[in-house]
Amino acid sequence: MAEALCKLYIINTSPDLEEKWSVASAGCWAYPGMPATSRALTAVENMGAQLIHHSSQPVTADLLNKFKLILCMEYGHVDFIKRHFSEVSDRVFLFSEMIGEEFEIEDPIGKTQSDYDASAREINAIIQNGWARILELSAS
């Protein structure tokens, strides 16, 4: 959901970045090739974004090395990446740090549509309110 909402935000507010930036999602323990859940699809579609072509991918060194900024939803994700891919440690942050806070965004997998919608709204608010910080860290 974060990937789709970030891409939508770029299109709507900074279209010049759309061609220059790459935004991708990966999971620390993801199975490759899985589609987004129907509830995730609905949550982002209700906000104007698309996940229809989403395909899960695991975190790899090659993937991480393509990005200047790596944002994680949970402390466990940050720890996993820093422990297994120490060469990118200085680029790894908790997503909520973009708004100057530190809290996890709980994965709504297996929960209700309302939980997915709430997660999508929370992610979207962080993107919007943390955009200046995202730009700053991405320029490093």
N, C-alpha and C. Protein backbone atom coordinates (compact mmCIF):
# COMPACT_ATOMS: atom_id res chain seq x y z
N MET A 1 0.83 -1.19 0.00
CA MET A 1 0.00 0.00 0.00
C MET A 1 0.87 1.25 0.00
N ALA A 2 1.99 1.20 0.73
CA ALA A 2 2.87 2.37 0.79
C ALA A 2 3.45 2.69 -0.58
N GLU A 3 3.84 1.68 -1.32
CA GLU A 3 4.37 1.92 -2.67
C GLU A 3 3.33 2.60 -3.55
N ALA A 4 2.13 2.08 -3.58
CA ALA A 4 1.07 2.64 -4.43
C ALA A 4 0.72 4.06 -4.01
N LEU A 5 0.63 4.30 -2.71
CA LEU A 5 0.26 5.63 -2.22
C LEU A 5 1.39 6.64 -2.45
N CYS A 6 2.62 6.19 -2.33
CA CYS A 6 3.75 7.08 -2.60
C CYS A 6 3.80 7.45 -4.08
N LYS A 7 3.60 6.48 -4.94
CA LYS A 7 3.59 6.75 -6.38
C LYS A 7 2.47 7.73 -6.73
N LEU A 8 1.30 7.56 -6.13
CA LEU A 8 0.20 8.47 -6.37
C LEU A 8 0.54 9.88 -5.90
N TYR A 9 1.17 9.98 -4.74
CA TYR A 9 1.55 11.29 -4.21
C TYR A 9 2.54 11.98 -5.15
N ILE A 10 3.49 11.23 -5.67
CA ILE A 10 4.46 11.80 -6.61
C ILE A 10 3.75 12.31 -7.87
N ILE A 11 2.87 11.52 -8.41
CA ILE A 11 2.14 11.91 -9.62
C ILE A 11 1.34 13.20 -9.37
N ASN A 12 0.70 13.28 -8.21
CA ASN A 12 -0.17 14.42 -7.91
C ASN A 12 0.57 15.68 -7.47
N THR A 13 1.75 15.54 -6.90
CA THR A 13 2.42 16.72 -6.33
C THR A 13 3.77 17.03 -6.95
N SER A 14 4.45 16.03 -7.46
CA SER A 14 5.80 16.22 -8.00
C SER A 14 5.99 15.40 -9.27
N PRO A 15 5.18 15.68 -10.28
CA PRO A 15 5.24 14.83 -11.49
C PRO A 15 6.62 14.79 -12.14
N ASP A 16 7.45 15.79 -11.89
CA ASP A 16 8.80 15.77 -12.44
C ASP A 16 9.64 14.64 -11.86
N LEU A 17 9.26 14.15 -10.68
CA LEU A 17 10.00 13.06 -10.05
C LEU A 17 9.56 11.68 -10.56
N GLU A 18 8.40 11.61 -11.17
CA GLU A 18 7.86 10.31 -11.59
C GLU A 18 8.83 9.53 -12.46
N GLU A 19 9.48 10.20 -13.39
CA GLU A 19 10.41 9.52 -14.29
C GLU A 19 11.78 9.31 -13.65
N LYS A 20 12.13 10.14 -12.67
CA LYS A 20 13.45 10.09 -12.04
C LYS A 20 13.51 9.11 -10.87
N TRP A 21 12.39 8.89 -10.22
CA TRP A 21 12.36 8.09 -9.01
C TRP A 21 11.88 6.68 -9.26
N SER A 22 12.38 5.78 -8.46
CA SER A 22 11.89 4.41 -8.44
C SER A 22 11.37 4.16 -7.02
N VAL A 23 10.16 3.70 -6.94
CA VAL A 23 9.54 3.36 -5.66
C VAL A 23 9.16 1.89 -5.73
N ALA A 24 9.58 1.12 -4.74
CA ALA A 24 9.29 -0.32 -4.76
C ALA A 24 9.00 -0.82 -3.36
N SER A 25 8.31 -1.91 -3.30
CA SER A 25 7.96 -2.56 -2.05
C SER A 25 8.61 -3.93 -2.01
N ALA A 26 9.08 -4.30 -0.83
CA ALA A 26 9.64 -5.64 -0.64
C ALA A 26 9.41 -6.06 0.80
N GLY A 27 9.39 -7.34 1.01
CA GLY A 27 9.16 -7.86 2.36
C GLY A 27 10.34 -8.64 2.88
N CYS A 28 10.61 -8.48 4.15
CA CYS A 28 11.73 -9.21 4.78
C CYS A 28 11.50 -10.72 4.74
N TRP A 29 10.26 -11.14 4.83
CA TRP A 29 9.93 -12.56 4.83
C TRP A 29 8.89 -12.86 3.76
N ALA A 30 8.92 -12.11 2.67
CA ALA A 30 7.90 -12.23 1.62
C ALA A 30 8.14 -13.43 0.71
N TYR A 31 7.05 -14.02 0.27
CA TYR A 31 7.10 -15.02 -0.78
C TYR A 31 7.04 -14.25 -2.11
N PRO A 32 7.89 -14.57 -3.06
CA PRO A 32 7.87 -13.83 -4.33
C PRO A 32 6.63 -14.14 -5.17
N GLY A 33 6.17 -13.10 -5.87
CA GLY A 33 5.12 -13.28 -6.85
C GLY A 33 3.69 -13.29 -6.34
N MET A 34 3.49 -12.94 -5.09
CA MET A 34 2.12 -12.94 -4.54
C MET A 34 1.43 -11.62 -4.86
N PRO A 35 0.15 -11.66 -5.23
CA PRO A 35 -0.58 -10.42 -5.49
C PRO A 35 -0.96 -9.74 -4.17
N ALA A 36 -1.35 -8.48 -4.26
CA ALA A 36 -1.85 -7.77 -3.09
C ALA A 36 -3.18 -8.41 -2.68
N THR A 37 -3.50 -8.32 -1.41
CA THR A 37 -4.78 -8.85 -0.94
C THR A 37 -5.92 -7.98 -1.49
N SER A 38 -7.09 -8.56 -1.57
CA SER A 38 -8.24 -7.80 -2.08
C SER A 38 -8.54 -6.61 -1.19
N ARG A 39 -8.30 -6.73 0.10
CA ARG A 39 -8.55 -5.61 1.02
C ARG A 39 -7.54 -4.49 0.81
N ALA A 40 -6.30 -4.83 0.52
CA ALA A 40 -5.30 -3.80 0.22
C ALA A 40 -5.65 -3.10 -1.08
N LEU A 41 -6.07 -3.88 -2.08
CA LEU A 41 -6.51 -3.31 -3.36
C LEU A 41 -7.62 -2.29 -3.13
N THR A 42 -8.62 -2.68 -2.36
CA THR A 42 -9.76 -1.80 -2.09
C THR A 42 -9.33 -0.56 -1.33
N ALA A 43 -8.48 -0.73 -0.33
CA ALA A 43 -8.05 0.41 0.49
C ALA A 43 -7.36 1.48 -0.34
N VAL A 44 -6.45 1.07 -1.21
CA VAL A 44 -5.73 2.07 -2.01
C VAL A 44 -6.59 2.59 -3.16
N GLU A 45 -7.43 1.74 -3.72
CA GLU A 45 -8.32 2.20 -4.79
C GLU A 45 -9.25 3.29 -4.28
N ASN A 46 -9.71 3.14 -3.04
CA ASN A 46 -10.58 4.16 -2.44
C ASN A 46 -9.86 5.50 -2.27
N MET A 47 -8.52 5.47 -2.34
CA MET A 47 -7.73 6.69 -2.21
C MET A 47 -7.18 7.15 -3.57
N GLY A 48 -7.55 6.44 -4.62
CA GLY A 48 -7.14 6.83 -5.96
C GLY A 48 -5.89 6.17 -6.49
N ALA A 49 -5.34 5.20 -5.77
CA ALA A 49 -4.12 4.51 -6.17
C ALA A 49 -4.46 3.11 -6.71
N GLN A 50 -3.47 2.46 -7.28
CA GLN A 50 -3.67 1.13 -7.86
C GLN A 50 -2.65 0.13 -7.34
N LEU A 51 -3.11 -1.07 -7.08
CA LEU A 51 -2.23 -2.18 -6.69
C LEU A 51 -2.47 -3.40 -7.57
N ILE A 52 -3.22 -3.24 -8.60
CA ILE A 52 -3.65 -4.37 -9.42
C ILE A 52 -2.48 -5.17 -9.99
N HIS A 53 -1.36 -4.50 -10.27
CA HIS A 53 -0.21 -5.20 -10.86
C HIS A 53 0.86 -5.55 -9.82
N HIS A 54 0.55 -5.38 -8.54
CA HIS A 54 1.53 -5.66 -7.49
C HIS A 54 1.89 -7.14 -7.46
N SER A 55 3.18 -7.38 -7.26
CA SER A 55 3.69 -8.74 -7.09
C SER A 55 4.76 -8.68 -6.00
N SER A 56 4.56 -9.44 -4.94
CA SER A 56 5.49 -9.37 -3.81
C SER A 56 6.89 -9.81 -4.21
N GLN A 57 7.85 -9.25 -3.49
CA GLN A 57 9.24 -9.64 -3.70
C GLN A 57 9.97 -9.58 -2.36
N PRO A 58 10.91 -10.48 -2.16
CA PRO A 58 11.68 -10.45 -0.92
C PRO A 58 12.78 -9.39 -0.99
N VAL A 59 13.19 -8.94 0.16
CA VAL A 59 14.32 -8.01 0.27
C VAL A 59 15.58 -8.76 -0.14
N THR A 60 16.38 -8.12 -1.01
CA THR A 60 17.67 -8.68 -1.42
C THR A 60 18.70 -7.56 -1.43
N ALA A 61 19.95 -7.91 -1.39
CA ALA A 61 21.02 -6.91 -1.46
C ALA A 61 20.94 -6.13 -2.76
N ASP A 62 20.71 -6.83 -3.88
CA ASP A 62 20.61 -6.14 -5.17
C ASP A 62 19.50 -5.11 -5.17
N LEU A 63 18.36 -5.47 -4.64
CA LEU A 63 17.23 -4.54 -4.59
C LEU A 63 17.55 -3.34 -3.69
N LEU A 64 18.03 -3.59 -2.50
CA LEU A 64 18.32 -2.51 -1.56
C LEU A 64 19.36 -1.54 -2.10
N ASN A 65 20.33 -2.06 -2.81
CA ASN A 65 21.39 -1.21 -3.34
C ASN A 65 20.93 -0.26 -4.43
N LYS A 66 19.72 -0.42 -4.93
CA LYS A 66 19.17 0.46 -5.95
C LYS A 66 18.55 1.73 -5.35
N PHE A 67 18.42 1.78 -4.02
CA PHE A 67 17.67 2.86 -3.39
C PHE A 67 18.49 3.69 -2.42
N LYS A 68 18.22 4.98 -2.43
CA LYS A 68 18.88 5.91 -1.51
C LYS A 68 18.17 5.97 -0.16
N LEU A 69 16.92 5.53 -0.12
CA LEU A 69 16.12 5.58 1.10
C LEU A 69 15.32 4.29 1.21
N ILE A 70 15.38 3.68 2.39
CA ILE A 70 14.67 2.43 2.65
C ILE A 70 13.80 2.65 3.88
N LEU A 71 12.50 2.62 3.68
CA LEU A 71 11.55 2.88 4.76
C LEU A 71 10.87 1.58 5.17
N CYS A 72 10.82 1.36 6.47
CA CYS A 72 10.25 0.13 7.03
C CYS A 72 9.04 0.44 7.90
N MET A 73 8.10 -0.45 7.94
CA MET A 73 6.89 -0.26 8.73
C MET A 73 7.08 -0.64 10.20
N GLU A 74 7.93 -1.63 10.46
CA GLU A 74 8.07 -2.16 11.82
C GLU A 74 9.54 -2.23 12.23
N TYR A 75 9.76 -2.17 13.55
CA TYR A 75 11.12 -2.26 14.09
C TYR A 75 11.81 -3.54 13.63
N GLY A 76 11.07 -4.65 13.57
CA GLY A 76 11.66 -5.91 13.15
C GLY A 76 12.22 -5.85 11.73
N HIS A 77 11.57 -5.08 10.88
CA HIS A 77 12.05 -4.92 9.50
C HIS A 77 13.36 -4.13 9.48
N VAL A 78 13.39 -3.06 10.26
CA VAL A 78 14.61 -2.25 10.35
C VAL A 78 15.76 -3.12 10.85
N ASP A 79 15.52 -3.85 11.92
CA ASP A 79 16.56 -4.71 12.50
C ASP A 79 17.02 -5.77 11.51
N PHE A 80 16.09 -6.40 10.82
CA PHE A 80 16.42 -7.44 9.86
C PHE A 80 17.34 -6.89 8.76
N ILE A 81 16.96 -5.76 8.19
CA ILE A 81 17.75 -5.20 7.09
C ILE A 81 19.12 -4.75 7.58
N LYS A 82 19.17 -4.09 8.72
CA LYS A 82 20.47 -3.63 9.24
C LYS A 82 21.38 -4.80 9.60
N ARG A 83 20.79 -5.89 10.08
CA ARG A 83 21.59 -7.05 10.46
C ARG A 83 22.07 -7.83 9.24
N HIS A 84 21.22 -8.00 8.24
CA HIS A 84 21.56 -8.83 7.09
C HIS A 84 22.17 -8.06 5.92
N PHE A 85 21.97 -6.75 5.91
CA PHE A 85 22.47 -5.92 4.81
C PHE A 85 23.10 -4.66 5.38
N SER A 86 24.13 -4.83 6.18
CA SER A 86 24.73 -3.72 6.92
C SER A 86 25.24 -2.60 6.01
N GLU A 87 25.54 -2.91 4.77
CA GLU A 87 26.05 -1.89 3.85
C GLU A 87 25.02 -0.80 3.55
N VAL A 88 23.74 -1.03 3.85
CA VAL A 88 22.71 -0.01 3.61
C VAL A 88 22.14 0.57 4.91
N SER A 89 22.75 0.24 6.03
CA SER A 89 22.23 0.64 7.34
C SER A 89 21.95 2.12 7.47
N ASP A 90 22.77 2.95 6.87
CA ASP A 90 22.59 4.40 6.99
C ASP A 90 21.41 4.92 6.18
N ARG A 91 20.80 4.06 5.36
CA ARG A 91 19.65 4.46 4.53
C ARG A 91 18.33 3.88 5.02
N VAL A 92 18.37 3.18 6.15
CA VAL A 92 17.19 2.47 6.65
C VAL A 92 16.55 3.25 7.79
N PHE A 93 15.25 3.49 7.66
CA PHE A 93 14.50 4.25 8.66
C PHE A 93 13.14 3.61 8.88
N LEU A 94 12.61 3.83 10.06
CA LEU A 94 11.23 3.49 10.33
C LEU A 94 10.37 4.52 9.58
N PHE A 95 9.34 4.08 8.92
CA PHE A 95 8.50 4.96 8.10
C PHE A 95 8.02 6.18 8.89
N SER A 96 7.63 5.96 10.13
CA SER A 96 7.12 7.05 10.97
C SER A 96 8.17 8.11 11.29
N GLU A 97 9.44 7.77 11.14
CA GLU A 97 10.50 8.76 11.37
C GLU A 97 10.43 9.91 10.38
N MET A 98 9.72 9.72 9.28
CA MET A 98 9.61 10.79 8.29
C MET A 98 8.79 11.96 8.83
N ILE A 99 8.02 11.72 9.89
CA ILE A 99 7.26 12.80 10.54
C ILE A 99 7.82 13.11 11.93
N GLY A 100 9.05 12.68 12.19
CA GLY A 100 9.70 12.98 13.45
C GLY A 100 9.22 12.18 14.63
N GLU A 101 8.60 11.04 14.39
CA GLU A 101 8.12 10.17 15.45
C GLU A 101 8.69 8.78 15.25
N GLU A 102 8.43 7.90 16.20
CA GLU A 102 8.85 6.50 16.07
C GLU A 102 7.74 5.60 16.55
N PHE A 103 7.03 5.02 15.60
CA PHE A 103 6.00 4.04 15.92
C PHE A 103 5.86 3.10 14.73
N GLU A 104 5.37 1.92 15.00
CA GLU A 104 5.19 0.92 13.95
C GLU A 104 3.84 1.10 13.27
N ILE A 105 3.81 0.75 12.01
CA ILE A 105 2.54 0.67 11.29
C ILE A 105 2.24 -0.81 11.17
N GLU A 106 1.23 -1.22 11.89
CA GLU A 106 0.90 -2.64 11.97
C GLU A 106 0.39 -3.16 10.64
N ASP A 107 0.86 -4.33 10.27
CA ASP A 107 0.41 -4.99 9.05
C ASP A 107 -1.02 -5.48 9.28
N PRO A 108 -1.96 -5.05 8.43
CA PRO A 108 -3.35 -5.45 8.63
C PRO A 108 -3.71 -6.82 8.07
N ILE A 109 -2.71 -7.58 7.60
CA ILE A 109 -2.98 -8.87 6.97
C ILE A 109 -3.88 -9.72 7.87
N GLY A 110 -4.93 -10.25 7.28
CA GLY A 110 -5.87 -11.10 8.01
C GLY A 110 -6.91 -10.35 8.81
N LYS A 111 -6.87 -9.03 8.73
CA LYS A 111 -7.83 -8.23 9.50
C LYS A 111 -8.93 -7.70 8.58
N THR A 112 -9.75 -6.83 9.10
CA THR A 112 -10.92 -6.34 8.39
C THR A 112 -10.57 -5.26 7.36
N GLN A 113 -11.52 -4.97 6.49
CA GLN A 113 -11.35 -3.89 5.53
C GLN A 113 -11.12 -2.57 6.25
N SER A 114 -11.79 -2.38 7.35
CA SER A 114 -11.63 -1.17 8.14
C SER A 114 -10.18 -1.02 8.63
N ASP A 115 -9.55 -2.11 9.00
CA ASP A 115 -8.15 -2.08 9.42
C ASP A 115 -7.23 -1.72 8.26
N TYR A 116 -7.49 -2.27 7.09
CA TYR A 116 -6.72 -1.93 5.90
C TYR A 116 -6.88 -0.45 5.55
N ASP A 117 -8.12 0.02 5.62
CA ASP A 117 -8.39 1.43 5.32
C ASP A 117 -7.65 2.34 6.29
N ALA A 118 -7.65 1.97 7.57
CA ALA A 118 -6.96 2.78 8.58
C ALA A 118 -5.46 2.79 8.32
N SER A 119 -4.89 1.65 7.97
CA SER A 119 -3.46 1.58 7.66
C SER A 119 -3.13 2.44 6.44
N ALA A 120 -3.96 2.37 5.42
CA ALA A 120 -3.73 3.16 4.21
C ALA A 120 -3.78 4.65 4.53
N ARG A 121 -4.74 5.06 5.35
CA ARG A 121 -4.84 6.48 5.73
C ARG A 121 -3.61 6.92 6.54
N GLU A 122 -3.15 6.05 7.42
CA GLU A 122 -1.97 6.36 8.23
C GLU A 122 -0.73 6.49 7.35
N ILE A 123 -0.56 5.58 6.43
CA ILE A 123 0.57 5.62 5.50
C ILE A 123 0.51 6.90 4.66
N ASN A 124 -0.67 7.19 4.15
CA ASN A 124 -0.84 8.36 3.30
C ASN A 124 -0.54 9.65 4.08
N ALA A 125 -0.97 9.72 5.32
CA ALA A 125 -0.70 10.91 6.14
C ALA A 125 0.80 11.08 6.37
N ILE A 126 1.51 9.99 6.58
CA ILE A 126 2.96 10.08 6.78
C ILE A 126 3.64 10.54 5.49
N ILE A 127 3.20 10.02 4.36
CA ILE A 127 3.78 10.46 3.09
C ILE A 127 3.59 11.96 2.93
N GLN A 128 2.37 12.41 3.13
CA GLN A 128 2.07 13.84 2.95
C GLN A 128 2.81 14.72 3.95
N ASN A 129 2.76 14.36 5.22
CA ASN A 129 3.38 15.18 6.26
C ASN A 129 4.88 15.01 6.36
N GLY A 130 5.40 13.92 5.82
CA GLY A 130 6.84 13.66 5.88
C GLY A 130 7.55 13.84 4.55
N TRP A 131 6.86 14.42 3.58
CA TRP A 131 7.42 14.53 2.24
C TRP A 131 8.74 15.30 2.21
N ALA A 132 8.84 16.38 2.96
CA ALA A 132 10.08 17.17 2.98
C ALA A 132 11.25 16.29 3.47
N ARG A 133 11.01 15.50 4.49
CA ARG A 133 12.05 14.61 5.03
C ARG A 133 12.40 13.51 4.03
N ILE A 134 11.39 12.98 3.35
CA ILE A 134 11.64 11.96 2.34
C ILE A 134 12.51 12.53 1.23
N LEU A 135 12.20 13.73 0.79
CA LEU A 135 13.01 14.36 -0.25
C LEU A 135 14.43 14.60 0.24
N GLU A 136 14.57 15.07 1.46
CA GLU A 136 15.90 15.35 2.03
C GLU A 136 16.75 14.09 2.09
N LEU A 137 16.19 13.01 2.62
CA LEU A 137 16.95 11.77 2.76
C LEU A 137 17.20 11.09 1.42
N SER A 138 16.32 11.27 0.47
CA SER A 138 16.49 10.68 -0.86
C SER A 138 17.58 11.39 -1.65
N ALA A 139 17.85 12.61 -1.30
CA ALA A 139 18.88 13.39 -2.01
C ALA A 139 20.28 13.07 -1.52
N SER A 140 20.38 12.42 -0.39
CA SER A 140 21.69 12.13 0.21
C SER A 140 22.50 11.18 -0.64
